[in-house]
PDBML (XML) file of the C-alpha atoms, coordinates in Angstrom:
<?xml version="1.0" encoding="UTF-8" ?>
<PDBx:datablock datablockName="MODEL"
   xmlns:PDBx="http://pdbml.pdb.org/schema/pdbx-v50.xsd"
   xmlns:xsi="http://www.w3.org/2001/XMLSchema-instance"
   xsi:schemaLocation="http://pdbml.pdb.org/schema/pdbx-v50.xsd pdbx-v50.xsd">
   <PDBx:atom_siteCategory>
      <PDBx:atom_site id="1">
         <PDBx:B_iso_or_equiv>0.00</PDBx:B_iso_or_equiv>
         <PDBx:Cartn_x>-20.248</PDBx:Cartn_x>
         <PDBx:Cartn_y>24.281</PDBx:Cartn_y>
         <PDBx:Cartn_z>4.130</PDBx:Cartn_z>
         <PDBx:auth_asym_id>A</PDBx:auth_asym_id>
         <PDBx:auth_atom_id>CA</PDBx:auth_atom_id>
         <PDBx:auth_comp_id>ASN</PDBx:auth_comp_id>
         <PDBx:auth_seq_id>1</PDBx:auth_seq_id>
         <PDBx:group_PDB>ATOM</PDBx:group_PDB>
         <PDBx:label_alt_id xsi:nil="true" />
         <PDBx:label_asym_id>A</PDBx:label_asym_id>
         <PDBx:label_atom_id>CA</PDBx:label_atom_id>
         <PDBx:label_comp_id>ASN</PDBx:label_comp_id>
         <PDBx:label_entity_id>1</PDBx:label_entity_id>
         <PDBx:label_seq_id>1</PDBx:label_seq_id>
         <PDBx:occupancy>1.00</PDBx:occupancy>
         <PDBx:pdbx_PDB_model_num>1</PDBx:pdbx_PDB_model_num>
         <PDBx:type_symbol>C</PDBx:type_symbol>
      </PDBx:atom_site>
      <PDBx:atom_site id="2">
         <PDBx:B_iso_or_equiv>0.00</PDBx:B_iso_or_equiv>
         <PDBx:Cartn_x>-17.387</PDBx:Cartn_x>
         <PDBx:Cartn_y>22.688</PDBx:Cartn_y>
         <PDBx:Cartn_z>2.173</PDBx:Cartn_z>
         <PDBx:auth_asym_id>A</PDBx:auth_asym_id>
         <PDBx:auth_atom_id>CA</PDBx:auth_atom_id>
         <PDBx:auth_comp_id>THR</PDBx:auth_comp_id>
         <PDBx:auth_seq_id>2</PDBx:auth_seq_id>
         <PDBx:group_PDB>ATOM</PDBx:group_PDB>
         <PDBx:label_alt_id xsi:nil="true" />
         <PDBx:label_asym_id>A</PDBx:label_asym_id>
         <PDBx:label_atom_id>CA</PDBx:label_atom_id>
         <PDBx:label_comp_id>THR</PDBx:label_comp_id>
         <PDBx:label_entity_id>1</PDBx:label_entity_id>
         <PDBx:label_seq_id>2</PDBx:label_seq_id>
         <PDBx:occupancy>1.00</PDBx:occupancy>
         <PDBx:pdbx_PDB_model_num>1</PDBx:pdbx_PDB_model_num>
         <PDBx:type_symbol>C</PDBx:type_symbol>
      </PDBx:atom_site>
      <PDBx:atom_site id="3">
         <PDBx:B_iso_or_equiv>0.00</PDBx:B_iso_or_equiv>
         <PDBx:Cartn_x>-13.920</PDBx:Cartn_x>
         <PDBx:Cartn_y>23.916</PDBx:Cartn_y>
         <PDBx:Cartn_z>3.050</PDBx:Cartn_z>
         <PDBx:auth_asym_id>A</PDBx:auth_asym_id>
         <PDBx:auth_atom_id>CA</PDBx:auth_atom_id>
         <PDBx:auth_comp_id>GLN</PDBx:auth_comp_id>
         <PDBx:auth_seq_id>3</PDBx:auth_seq_id>
         <PDBx:group_PDB>ATOM</PDBx:group_PDB>
         <PDBx:label_alt_id xsi:nil="true" />
         <PDBx:label_asym_id>A</PDBx:label_asym_id>
         <PDBx:label_atom_id>CA</PDBx:label_atom_id>
         <PDBx:label_comp_id>GLN</PDBx:label_comp_id>
         <PDBx:label_entity_id>1</PDBx:label_entity_id>
         <PDBx:label_seq_id>3</PDBx:label_seq_id>
         <PDBx:occupancy>1.00</PDBx:occupancy>
         <PDBx:pdbx_PDB_model_num>1</PDBx:pdbx_PDB_model_num>
         <PDBx:type_symbol>C</PDBx:type_symbol>
      </PDBx:atom_site>
      <PDBx:atom_site id="4">
         <PDBx:B_iso_or_equiv>0.00</PDBx:B_iso_or_equiv>
         <PDBx:Cartn_x>-11.777</PDBx:Cartn_x>
         <PDBx:Cartn_y>24.701</PDBx:Cartn_y>
         <PDBx:Cartn_z>0.041</PDBx:Cartn_z>
         <PDBx:auth_asym_id>A</PDBx:auth_asym_id>
         <PDBx:auth_atom_id>CA</PDBx:auth_atom_id>
         <PDBx:auth_comp_id>LEU</PDBx:auth_comp_id>
         <PDBx:auth_seq_id>4</PDBx:auth_seq_id>
         <PDBx:group_PDB>ATOM</PDBx:group_PDB>
         <PDBx:label_alt_id xsi:nil="true" />
         <PDBx:label_asym_id>A</PDBx:label_asym_id>
         <PDBx:label_atom_id>CA</PDBx:label_atom_id>
         <PDBx:label_comp_id>LEU</PDBx:label_comp_id>
         <PDBx:label_entity_id>1</PDBx:label_entity_id>
         <PDBx:label_seq_id>4</PDBx:label_seq_id>
         <PDBx:occupancy>1.00</PDBx:occupancy>
         <PDBx:pdbx_PDB_model_num>1</PDBx:pdbx_PDB_model_num>
         <PDBx:type_symbol>C</PDBx:type_symbol>
      </PDBx:atom_site>
      <PDBx:atom_site id="5">
         <PDBx:B_iso_or_equiv>0.00</PDBx:B_iso_or_equiv>
         <PDBx:Cartn_x>-8.180</PDBx:Cartn_x>
         <PDBx:Cartn_y>23.580</PDBx:Cartn_y>
         <PDBx:Cartn_z>-0.272</PDBx:Cartn_z>
         <PDBx:auth_asym_id>A</PDBx:auth_asym_id>
         <PDBx:auth_atom_id>CA</PDBx:auth_atom_id>
         <PDBx:auth_comp_id>THR</PDBx:auth_comp_id>
         <PDBx:auth_seq_id>5</PDBx:auth_seq_id>
         <PDBx:group_PDB>ATOM</PDBx:group_PDB>
         <PDBx:label_alt_id xsi:nil="true" />
         <PDBx:label_asym_id>A</PDBx:label_asym_id>
         <PDBx:label_atom_id>CA</PDBx:label_atom_id>
         <PDBx:label_comp_id>THR</PDBx:label_comp_id>
         <PDBx:label_entity_id>1</PDBx:label_entity_id>
         <PDBx:label_seq_id>5</PDBx:label_seq_id>
         <PDBx:occupancy>1.00</PDBx:occupancy>
         <PDBx:pdbx_PDB_model_num>1</PDBx:pdbx_PDB_model_num>
         <PDBx:type_symbol>C</PDBx:type_symbol>
      </PDBx:atom_site>
      <PDBx:atom_site id="6">
         <PDBx:B_iso_or_equiv>0.00</PDBx:B_iso_or_equiv>
         <PDBx:Cartn_x>-5.375</PDBx:Cartn_x>
         <PDBx:Cartn_y>26.000</PDBx:Cartn_y>
         <PDBx:Cartn_z>-1.048</PDBx:Cartn_z>
         <PDBx:auth_asym_id>A</PDBx:auth_asym_id>
         <PDBx:auth_atom_id>CA</PDBx:auth_atom_id>
         <PDBx:auth_comp_id>ASP</PDBx:auth_comp_id>
         <PDBx:auth_seq_id>6</PDBx:auth_seq_id>
         <PDBx:group_PDB>ATOM</PDBx:group_PDB>
         <PDBx:label_alt_id xsi:nil="true" />
         <PDBx:label_asym_id>A</PDBx:label_asym_id>
         <PDBx:label_atom_id>CA</PDBx:label_atom_id>
         <PDBx:label_comp_id>ASP</PDBx:label_comp_id>
         <PDBx:label_entity_id>1</PDBx:label_entity_id>
         <PDBx:label_seq_id>6</PDBx:label_seq_id>
         <PDBx:occupancy>1.00</PDBx:occupancy>
         <PDBx:pdbx_PDB_model_num>1</PDBx:pdbx_PDB_model_num>
         <PDBx:type_symbol>C</PDBx:type_symbol>
      </PDBx:atom_site>
      <PDBx:atom_site id="7">
         <PDBx:B_iso_or_equiv>0.00</PDBx:B_iso_or_equiv>
         <PDBx:Cartn_x>-5.956</PDBx:Cartn_x>
         <PDBx:Cartn_y>25.644</PDBx:Cartn_y>
         <PDBx:Cartn_z>-4.798</PDBx:Cartn_z>
         <PDBx:auth_asym_id>A</PDBx:auth_asym_id>
         <PDBx:auth_atom_id>CA</PDBx:auth_atom_id>
         <PDBx:auth_comp_id>ASP</PDBx:auth_comp_id>
         <PDBx:auth_seq_id>7</PDBx:auth_seq_id>
         <PDBx:group_PDB>ATOM</PDBx:group_PDB>
         <PDBx:label_alt_id xsi:nil="true" />
         <PDBx:label_asym_id>A</PDBx:label_asym_id>
         <PDBx:label_atom_id>CA</PDBx:label_atom_id>
         <PDBx:label_comp_id>ASP</PDBx:label_comp_id>
         <PDBx:label_entity_id>1</PDBx:label_entity_id>
         <PDBx:label_seq_id>7</PDBx:label_seq_id>
         <PDBx:occupancy>1.00</PDBx:occupancy>
         <PDBx:pdbx_PDB_model_num>1</PDBx:pdbx_PDB_model_num>
         <PDBx:type_symbol>C</PDBx:type_symbol>
      </PDBx:atom_site>
      <PDBx:atom_site id="8">
         <PDBx:B_iso_or_equiv>0.00</PDBx:B_iso_or_equiv>
         <PDBx:Cartn_x>-9.712</PDBx:Cartn_x>
         <PDBx:Cartn_y>26.243</PDBx:Cartn_y>
         <PDBx:Cartn_z>-4.363</PDBx:Cartn_z>
         <PDBx:auth_asym_id>A</PDBx:auth_asym_id>
         <PDBx:auth_atom_id>CA</PDBx:auth_atom_id>
         <PDBx:auth_comp_id>ASN</PDBx:auth_comp_id>
         <PDBx:auth_seq_id>8</PDBx:auth_seq_id>
         <PDBx:group_PDB>ATOM</PDBx:group_PDB>
         <PDBx:label_alt_id xsi:nil="true" />
         <PDBx:label_asym_id>A</PDBx:label_asym_id>
         <PDBx:label_atom_id>CA</PDBx:label_atom_id>
         <PDBx:label_comp_id>ASN</PDBx:label_comp_id>
         <PDBx:label_entity_id>1</PDBx:label_entity_id>
         <PDBx:label_seq_id>8</PDBx:label_seq_id>
         <PDBx:occupancy>1.00</PDBx:occupancy>
         <PDBx:pdbx_PDB_model_num>1</PDBx:pdbx_PDB_model_num>
         <PDBx:type_symbol>C</PDBx:type_symbol>
      </PDBx:atom_site>
      <PDBx:atom_site id="9">
         <PDBx:B_iso_or_equiv>0.00</PDBx:B_iso_or_equiv>
         <PDBx:Cartn_x>-10.665</PDBx:Cartn_x>
         <PDBx:Cartn_y>22.661</PDBx:Cartn_y>
         <PDBx:Cartn_z>-5.166</PDBx:Cartn_z>
         <PDBx:auth_asym_id>A</PDBx:auth_asym_id>
         <PDBx:auth_atom_id>CA</PDBx:auth_atom_id>
         <PDBx:auth_comp_id>HIS</PDBx:auth_comp_id>
         <PDBx:auth_seq_id>9</PDBx:auth_seq_id>
         <PDBx:group_PDB>ATOM</PDBx:group_PDB>
         <PDBx:label_alt_id xsi:nil="true" />
         <PDBx:label_asym_id>A</PDBx:label_asym_id>
         <PDBx:label_atom_id>CA</PDBx:label_atom_id>
         <PDBx:label_comp_id>HIS</PDBx:label_comp_id>
         <PDBx:label_entity_id>1</PDBx:label_entity_id>
         <PDBx:label_seq_id>9</PDBx:label_seq_id>
         <PDBx:occupancy>1.00</PDBx:occupancy>
         <PDBx:pdbx_PDB_model_num>1</PDBx:pdbx_PDB_model_num>
         <PDBx:type_symbol>C</PDBx:type_symbol>
      </PDBx:atom_site>
      <PDBx:atom_site id="10">
         <PDBx:B_iso_or_equiv>0.00</PDBx:B_iso_or_equiv>
         <PDBx:Cartn_x>-12.018</PDBx:Cartn_x>
         <PDBx:Cartn_y>20.468</PDBx:Cartn_y>
         <PDBx:Cartn_z>-2.354</PDBx:Cartn_z>
         <PDBx:auth_asym_id>A</PDBx:auth_asym_id>
         <PDBx:auth_atom_id>CA</PDBx:auth_atom_id>
         <PDBx:auth_comp_id>PRO</PDBx:auth_comp_id>
         <PDBx:auth_seq_id>10</PDBx:auth_seq_id>
         <PDBx:group_PDB>ATOM</PDBx:group_PDB>
         <PDBx:label_alt_id xsi:nil="true" />
         <PDBx:label_asym_id>A</PDBx:label_asym_id>
         <PDBx:label_atom_id>CA</PDBx:label_atom_id>
         <PDBx:label_comp_id>PRO</PDBx:label_comp_id>
         <PDBx:label_entity_id>1</PDBx:label_entity_id>
         <PDBx:label_seq_id>10</PDBx:label_seq_id>
         <PDBx:occupancy>1.00</PDBx:occupancy>
         <PDBx:pdbx_PDB_model_num>1</PDBx:pdbx_PDB_model_num>
         <PDBx:type_symbol>C</PDBx:type_symbol>
      </PDBx:atom_site>
      <PDBx:atom_site id="11">
         <PDBx:B_iso_or_equiv>0.00</PDBx:B_iso_or_equiv>
         <PDBx:Cartn_x>-10.194</PDBx:Cartn_x>
         <PDBx:Cartn_y>17.190</PDBx:Cartn_y>
         <PDBx:Cartn_z>-2.065</PDBx:Cartn_z>
         <PDBx:auth_asym_id>A</PDBx:auth_asym_id>
         <PDBx:auth_atom_id>CA</PDBx:auth_atom_id>
         <PDBx:auth_comp_id>TYR</PDBx:auth_comp_id>
         <PDBx:auth_seq_id>11</PDBx:auth_seq_id>
         <PDBx:group_PDB>ATOM</PDBx:group_PDB>
         <PDBx:label_alt_id xsi:nil="true" />
         <PDBx:label_asym_id>A</PDBx:label_asym_id>
         <PDBx:label_atom_id>CA</PDBx:label_atom_id>
         <PDBx:label_comp_id>TYR</PDBx:label_comp_id>
         <PDBx:label_entity_id>1</PDBx:label_entity_id>
         <PDBx:label_seq_id>11</PDBx:label_seq_id>
         <PDBx:occupancy>1.00</PDBx:occupancy>
         <PDBx:pdbx_PDB_model_num>1</PDBx:pdbx_PDB_model_num>
         <PDBx:type_symbol>C</PDBx:type_symbol>
      </PDBx:atom_site>
      <PDBx:atom_site id="12">
         <PDBx:B_iso_or_equiv>0.00</PDBx:B_iso_or_equiv>
         <PDBx:Cartn_x>-12.065</PDBx:Cartn_x>
         <PDBx:Cartn_y>13.929</PDBx:Cartn_y>
         <PDBx:Cartn_z>-2.556</PDBx:Cartn_z>
         <PDBx:auth_asym_id>A</PDBx:auth_asym_id>
         <PDBx:auth_atom_id>CA</PDBx:auth_atom_id>
         <PDBx:auth_comp_id>ASN</PDBx:auth_comp_id>
         <PDBx:auth_seq_id>12</PDBx:auth_seq_id>
         <PDBx:group_PDB>ATOM</PDBx:group_PDB>
         <PDBx:label_alt_id xsi:nil="true" />
         <PDBx:label_asym_id>A</PDBx:label_asym_id>
         <PDBx:label_atom_id>CA</PDBx:label_atom_id>
         <PDBx:label_comp_id>ASN</PDBx:label_comp_id>
         <PDBx:label_entity_id>1</PDBx:label_entity_id>
         <PDBx:label_seq_id>12</PDBx:label_seq_id>
         <PDBx:occupancy>1.00</PDBx:occupancy>
         <PDBx:pdbx_PDB_model_num>1</PDBx:pdbx_PDB_model_num>
         <PDBx:type_symbol>C</PDBx:type_symbol>
      </PDBx:atom_site>
      <PDBx:atom_site id="13">
         <PDBx:B_iso_or_equiv>0.00</PDBx:B_iso_or_equiv>
         <PDBx:Cartn_x>-11.447</PDBx:Cartn_x>
         <PDBx:Cartn_y>10.947</PDBx:Cartn_y>
         <PDBx:Cartn_z>-0.283</PDBx:Cartn_z>
         <PDBx:auth_asym_id>A</PDBx:auth_asym_id>
         <PDBx:auth_atom_id>CA</PDBx:auth_atom_id>
         <PDBx:auth_comp_id>VAL</PDBx:auth_comp_id>
         <PDBx:auth_seq_id>13</PDBx:auth_seq_id>
         <PDBx:group_PDB>ATOM</PDBx:group_PDB>
         <PDBx:label_alt_id xsi:nil="true" />
         <PDBx:label_asym_id>A</PDBx:label_asym_id>
         <PDBx:label_atom_id>CA</PDBx:label_atom_id>
         <PDBx:label_comp_id>VAL</PDBx:label_comp_id>
         <PDBx:label_entity_id>1</PDBx:label_entity_id>
         <PDBx:label_seq_id>13</PDBx:label_seq_id>
         <PDBx:occupancy>1.00</PDBx:occupancy>
         <PDBx:pdbx_PDB_model_num>1</PDBx:pdbx_PDB_model_num>
         <PDBx:type_symbol>C</PDBx:type_symbol>
      </PDBx:atom_site>
      <PDBx:atom_site id="14">
         <PDBx:B_iso_or_equiv>0.00</PDBx:B_iso_or_equiv>
         <PDBx:Cartn_x>-11.126</PDBx:Cartn_x>
         <PDBx:Cartn_y>7.289</PDBx:Cartn_y>
         <PDBx:Cartn_z>-1.262</PDBx:Cartn_z>
         <PDBx:auth_asym_id>A</PDBx:auth_asym_id>
         <PDBx:auth_atom_id>CA</PDBx:auth_atom_id>
         <PDBx:auth_comp_id>LEU</PDBx:auth_comp_id>
         <PDBx:auth_seq_id>14</PDBx:auth_seq_id>
         <PDBx:group_PDB>ATOM</PDBx:group_PDB>
         <PDBx:label_alt_id xsi:nil="true" />
         <PDBx:label_asym_id>A</PDBx:label_asym_id>
         <PDBx:label_atom_id>CA</PDBx:label_atom_id>
         <PDBx:label_comp_id>LEU</PDBx:label_comp_id>
         <PDBx:label_entity_id>1</PDBx:label_entity_id>
         <PDBx:label_seq_id>14</PDBx:label_seq_id>
         <PDBx:occupancy>1.00</PDBx:occupancy>
         <PDBx:pdbx_PDB_model_num>1</PDBx:pdbx_PDB_model_num>
         <PDBx:type_symbol>C</PDBx:type_symbol>
      </PDBx:atom_site>
      <PDBx:atom_site id="15">
         <PDBx:B_iso_or_equiv>0.00</PDBx:B_iso_or_equiv>
         <PDBx:Cartn_x>-11.087</PDBx:Cartn_x>
         <PDBx:Cartn_y>5.077</PDBx:Cartn_y>
         <PDBx:Cartn_z>1.842</PDBx:Cartn_z>
         <PDBx:auth_asym_id>A</PDBx:auth_asym_id>
         <PDBx:auth_atom_id>CA</PDBx:auth_atom_id>
         <PDBx:auth_comp_id>LEU</PDBx:auth_comp_id>
         <PDBx:auth_seq_id>15</PDBx:auth_seq_id>
         <PDBx:group_PDB>ATOM</PDBx:group_PDB>
         <PDBx:label_alt_id xsi:nil="true" />
         <PDBx:label_asym_id>A</PDBx:label_asym_id>
         <PDBx:label_atom_id>CA</PDBx:label_atom_id>
         <PDBx:label_comp_id>LEU</PDBx:label_comp_id>
         <PDBx:label_entity_id>1</PDBx:label_entity_id>
         <PDBx:label_seq_id>15</PDBx:label_seq_id>
         <PDBx:occupancy>1.00</PDBx:occupancy>
         <PDBx:pdbx_PDB_model_num>1</PDBx:pdbx_PDB_model_num>
         <PDBx:type_symbol>C</PDBx:type_symbol>
      </PDBx:atom_site>
      <PDBx:atom_site id="16">
         <PDBx:B_iso_or_equiv>0.00</PDBx:B_iso_or_equiv>
         <PDBx:Cartn_x>-10.087</PDBx:Cartn_x>
         <PDBx:Cartn_y>1.439</PDBx:Cartn_y>
         <PDBx:Cartn_z>1.354</PDBx:Cartn_z>
         <PDBx:auth_asym_id>A</PDBx:auth_asym_id>
         <PDBx:auth_atom_id>CA</PDBx:auth_atom_id>
         <PDBx:auth_comp_id>ILE</PDBx:auth_comp_id>
         <PDBx:auth_seq_id>16</PDBx:auth_seq_id>
         <PDBx:group_PDB>ATOM</PDBx:group_PDB>
         <PDBx:label_alt_id xsi:nil="true" />
         <PDBx:label_asym_id>A</PDBx:label_asym_id>
         <PDBx:label_atom_id>CA</PDBx:label_atom_id>
         <PDBx:label_comp_id>ILE</PDBx:label_comp_id>
         <PDBx:label_entity_id>1</PDBx:label_entity_id>
         <PDBx:label_seq_id>16</PDBx:label_seq_id>
         <PDBx:occupancy>1.00</PDBx:occupancy>
         <PDBx:pdbx_PDB_model_num>1</PDBx:pdbx_PDB_model_num>
         <PDBx:type_symbol>C</PDBx:type_symbol>
      </PDBx:atom_site>
      <PDBx:atom_site id="17">
         <PDBx:B_iso_or_equiv>0.00</PDBx:B_iso_or_equiv>
         <PDBx:Cartn_x>-10.262</PDBx:Cartn_x>
         <PDBx:Cartn_y>-1.085</PDBx:Cartn_y>
         <PDBx:Cartn_z>4.165</PDBx:Cartn_z>
         <PDBx:auth_asym_id>A</PDBx:auth_asym_id>
         <PDBx:auth_atom_id>CA</PDBx:auth_atom_id>
         <PDBx:auth_comp_id>THR</PDBx:auth_comp_id>
         <PDBx:auth_seq_id>17</PDBx:auth_seq_id>
         <PDBx:group_PDB>ATOM</PDBx:group_PDB>
         <PDBx:label_alt_id xsi:nil="true" />
         <PDBx:label_asym_id>A</PDBx:label_asym_id>
         <PDBx:label_atom_id>CA</PDBx:label_atom_id>
         <PDBx:label_comp_id>THR</PDBx:label_comp_id>
         <PDBx:label_entity_id>1</PDBx:label_entity_id>
         <PDBx:label_seq_id>17</PDBx:label_seq_id>
         <PDBx:occupancy>1.00</PDBx:occupancy>
         <PDBx:pdbx_PDB_model_num>1</PDBx:pdbx_PDB_model_num>
         <PDBx:type_symbol>C</PDBx:type_symbol>
      </PDBx:atom_site>
      <PDBx:atom_site id="18">
         <PDBx:B_iso_or_equiv>0.00</PDBx:B_iso_or_equiv>
         <PDBx:Cartn_x>-9.242</PDBx:Cartn_x>
         <PDBx:Cartn_y>-4.746</PDBx:Cartn_y>
         <PDBx:Cartn_z>4.048</PDBx:Cartn_z>
         <PDBx:auth_asym_id>A</PDBx:auth_asym_id>
         <PDBx:auth_atom_id>CA</PDBx:auth_atom_id>
         <PDBx:auth_comp_id>VAL</PDBx:auth_comp_id>
         <PDBx:auth_seq_id>18</PDBx:auth_seq_id>
         <PDBx:group_PDB>ATOM</PDBx:group_PDB>
         <PDBx:label_alt_id xsi:nil="true" />
         <PDBx:label_asym_id>A</PDBx:label_asym_id>
         <PDBx:label_atom_id>CA</PDBx:label_atom_id>
         <PDBx:label_comp_id>VAL</PDBx:label_comp_id>
         <PDBx:label_entity_id>1</PDBx:label_entity_id>
         <PDBx:label_seq_id>18</PDBx:label_seq_id>
         <PDBx:occupancy>1.00</PDBx:occupancy>
         <PDBx:pdbx_PDB_model_num>1</PDBx:pdbx_PDB_model_num>
         <PDBx:type_symbol>C</PDBx:type_symbol>
      </PDBx:atom_site>
      <PDBx:atom_site id="19">
         <PDBx:B_iso_or_equiv>0.00</PDBx:B_iso_or_equiv>
         <PDBx:Cartn_x>-10.748</PDBx:Cartn_x>
         <PDBx:Cartn_y>-7.313</PDBx:Cartn_y>
         <PDBx:Cartn_z>6.413</PDBx:Cartn_z>
         <PDBx:auth_asym_id>A</PDBx:auth_asym_id>
         <PDBx:auth_atom_id>CA</PDBx:auth_atom_id>
         <PDBx:auth_comp_id>ASP</PDBx:auth_comp_id>
         <PDBx:auth_seq_id>19</PDBx:auth_seq_id>
         <PDBx:group_PDB>ATOM</PDBx:group_PDB>
         <PDBx:label_alt_id xsi:nil="true" />
         <PDBx:label_asym_id>A</PDBx:label_asym_id>
         <PDBx:label_atom_id>CA</PDBx:label_atom_id>
         <PDBx:label_comp_id>ASP</PDBx:label_comp_id>
         <PDBx:label_entity_id>1</PDBx:label_entity_id>
         <PDBx:label_seq_id>19</PDBx:label_seq_id>
         <PDBx:occupancy>1.00</PDBx:occupancy>
         <PDBx:pdbx_PDB_model_num>1</PDBx:pdbx_PDB_model_num>
         <PDBx:type_symbol>C</PDBx:type_symbol>
      </PDBx:atom_site>
      <PDBx:atom_site id="20">
         <PDBx:B_iso_or_equiv>0.00</PDBx:B_iso_or_equiv>
         <PDBx:Cartn_x>-8.442</PDBx:Cartn_x>
         <PDBx:Cartn_y>-9.405</PDBx:Cartn_y>
         <PDBx:Cartn_z>8.649</PDBx:Cartn_z>
         <PDBx:auth_asym_id>A</PDBx:auth_asym_id>
         <PDBx:auth_atom_id>CA</PDBx:auth_atom_id>
         <PDBx:auth_comp_id>ASP</PDBx:auth_comp_id>
         <PDBx:auth_seq_id>20</PDBx:auth_seq_id>
         <PDBx:group_PDB>ATOM</PDBx:group_PDB>
         <PDBx:label_alt_id xsi:nil="true" />
         <PDBx:label_asym_id>A</PDBx:label_asym_id>
         <PDBx:label_atom_id>CA</PDBx:label_atom_id>
         <PDBx:label_comp_id>ASP</PDBx:label_comp_id>
         <PDBx:label_entity_id>1</PDBx:label_entity_id>
         <PDBx:label_seq_id>20</PDBx:label_seq_id>
         <PDBx:occupancy>1.00</PDBx:occupancy>
         <PDBx:pdbx_PDB_model_num>1</PDBx:pdbx_PDB_model_num>
         <PDBx:type_symbol>C</PDBx:type_symbol>
      </PDBx:atom_site>
      <PDBx:atom_site id="21">
         <PDBx:B_iso_or_equiv>0.00</PDBx:B_iso_or_equiv>
         <PDBx:Cartn_x>-5.246</PDBx:Cartn_x>
         <PDBx:Cartn_y>-8.300</PDBx:Cartn_y>
         <PDBx:Cartn_z>6.878</PDBx:Cartn_z>
         <PDBx:auth_asym_id>A</PDBx:auth_asym_id>
         <PDBx:auth_atom_id>CA</PDBx:auth_atom_id>
         <PDBx:auth_comp_id>LEU</PDBx:auth_comp_id>
         <PDBx:auth_seq_id>21</PDBx:auth_seq_id>
         <PDBx:group_PDB>ATOM</PDBx:group_PDB>
         <PDBx:label_alt_id xsi:nil="true" />
         <PDBx:label_asym_id>A</PDBx:label_asym_id>
         <PDBx:label_atom_id>CA</PDBx:label_atom_id>
         <PDBx:label_comp_id>LEU</PDBx:label_comp_id>
         <PDBx:label_entity_id>1</PDBx:label_entity_id>
         <PDBx:label_seq_id>21</PDBx:label_seq_id>
         <PDBx:occupancy>1.00</PDBx:occupancy>
         <PDBx:pdbx_PDB_model_num>1</PDBx:pdbx_PDB_model_num>
         <PDBx:type_symbol>C</PDBx:type_symbol>
      </PDBx:atom_site>
      <PDBx:atom_site id="22">
         <PDBx:B_iso_or_equiv>0.00</PDBx:B_iso_or_equiv>
         <PDBx:Cartn_x>-2.309</PDBx:Cartn_x>
         <PDBx:Cartn_y>-8.487</PDBx:Cartn_y>
         <PDBx:Cartn_z>9.266</PDBx:Cartn_z>
         <PDBx:auth_asym_id>A</PDBx:auth_asym_id>
         <PDBx:auth_atom_id>CA</PDBx:auth_atom_id>
         <PDBx:auth_comp_id>ASN</PDBx:auth_comp_id>
         <PDBx:auth_seq_id>22</PDBx:auth_seq_id>
         <PDBx:group_PDB>ATOM</PDBx:group_PDB>
         <PDBx:label_alt_id xsi:nil="true" />
         <PDBx:label_asym_id>A</PDBx:label_asym_id>
         <PDBx:label_atom_id>CA</PDBx:label_atom_id>
         <PDBx:label_comp_id>ASN</PDBx:label_comp_id>
         <PDBx:label_entity_id>1</PDBx:label_entity_id>
         <PDBx:label_seq_id>22</PDBx:label_seq_id>
         <PDBx:occupancy>1.00</PDBx:occupancy>
         <PDBx:pdbx_PDB_model_num>1</PDBx:pdbx_PDB_model_num>
         <PDBx:type_symbol>C</PDBx:type_symbol>
      </PDBx:atom_site>
      <PDBx:atom_site id="23">
         <PDBx:B_iso_or_equiv>0.00</PDBx:B_iso_or_equiv>
         <PDBx:Cartn_x>1.086</PDBx:Cartn_x>
         <PDBx:Cartn_y>-6.977</PDBx:Cartn_y>
         <PDBx:Cartn_z>8.460</PDBx:Cartn_z>
         <PDBx:auth_asym_id>A</PDBx:auth_asym_id>
         <PDBx:auth_atom_id>CA</PDBx:auth_atom_id>
         <PDBx:auth_comp_id>ASP</PDBx:auth_comp_id>
         <PDBx:auth_seq_id>23</PDBx:auth_seq_id>
         <PDBx:group_PDB>ATOM</PDBx:group_PDB>
         <PDBx:label_alt_id xsi:nil="true" />
         <PDBx:label_asym_id>A</PDBx:label_asym_id>
         <PDBx:label_atom_id>CA</PDBx:label_atom_id>
         <PDBx:label_comp_id>ASP</PDBx:label_comp_id>
         <PDBx:label_entity_id>1</PDBx:label_entity_id>
         <PDBx:label_seq_id>23</PDBx:label_seq_id>
         <PDBx:occupancy>1.00</PDBx:occupancy>
         <PDBx:pdbx_PDB_model_num>1</PDBx:pdbx_PDB_model_num>
         <PDBx:type_symbol>C</PDBx:type_symbol>
      </PDBx:atom_site>
      <PDBx:atom_site id="24">
         <PDBx:B_iso_or_equiv>0.00</PDBx:B_iso_or_equiv>
         <PDBx:Cartn_x>1.777</PDBx:Cartn_x>
         <PDBx:Cartn_y>-9.478</PDBx:Cartn_y>
         <PDBx:Cartn_z>5.664</PDBx:Cartn_z>
         <PDBx:auth_asym_id>A</PDBx:auth_asym_id>
         <PDBx:auth_atom_id>CA</PDBx:auth_atom_id>
         <PDBx:auth_comp_id>TRP</PDBx:auth_comp_id>
         <PDBx:auth_seq_id>24</PDBx:auth_seq_id>
         <PDBx:group_PDB>ATOM</PDBx:group_PDB>
         <PDBx:label_alt_id xsi:nil="true" />
         <PDBx:label_asym_id>A</PDBx:label_asym_id>
         <PDBx:label_atom_id>CA</PDBx:label_atom_id>
         <PDBx:label_comp_id>TRP</PDBx:label_comp_id>
         <PDBx:label_entity_id>1</PDBx:label_entity_id>
         <PDBx:label_seq_id>24</PDBx:label_seq_id>
         <PDBx:occupancy>1.00</PDBx:occupancy>
         <PDBx:pdbx_PDB_model_num>1</PDBx:pdbx_PDB_model_num>
         <PDBx:type_symbol>C</PDBx:type_symbol>
      </PDBx:atom_site>
      <PDBx:atom_site id="25">
         <PDBx:B_iso_or_equiv>0.00</PDBx:B_iso_or_equiv>
         <PDBx:Cartn_x>2.356</PDBx:Cartn_x>
         <PDBx:Cartn_y>-6.899</PDBx:Cartn_y>
         <PDBx:Cartn_z>2.942</PDBx:Cartn_z>
         <PDBx:auth_asym_id>A</PDBx:auth_asym_id>
         <PDBx:auth_atom_id>CA</PDBx:auth_atom_id>
         <PDBx:auth_comp_id>THR</PDBx:auth_comp_id>
         <PDBx:auth_seq_id>25</PDBx:auth_seq_id>
         <PDBx:group_PDB>ATOM</PDBx:group_PDB>
         <PDBx:label_alt_id xsi:nil="true" />
         <PDBx:label_asym_id>A</PDBx:label_asym_id>
         <PDBx:label_atom_id>CA</PDBx:label_atom_id>
         <PDBx:label_comp_id>THR</PDBx:label_comp_id>
         <PDBx:label_entity_id>1</PDBx:label_entity_id>
         <PDBx:label_seq_id>25</PDBx:label_seq_id>
         <PDBx:occupancy>1.00</PDBx:occupancy>
         <PDBx:pdbx_PDB_model_num>1</PDBx:pdbx_PDB_model_num>
         <PDBx:type_symbol>C</PDBx:type_symbol>
      </PDBx:atom_site>
   </PDBx:atom_siteCategory>
</PDBx:datablock>
């Protein structure tokens, strides 16, 4: 039941979370 993107290739997802990081970037 995977939806295909416009170019017929499903996008992958890389989710990155950082612990206790305030806006000091």
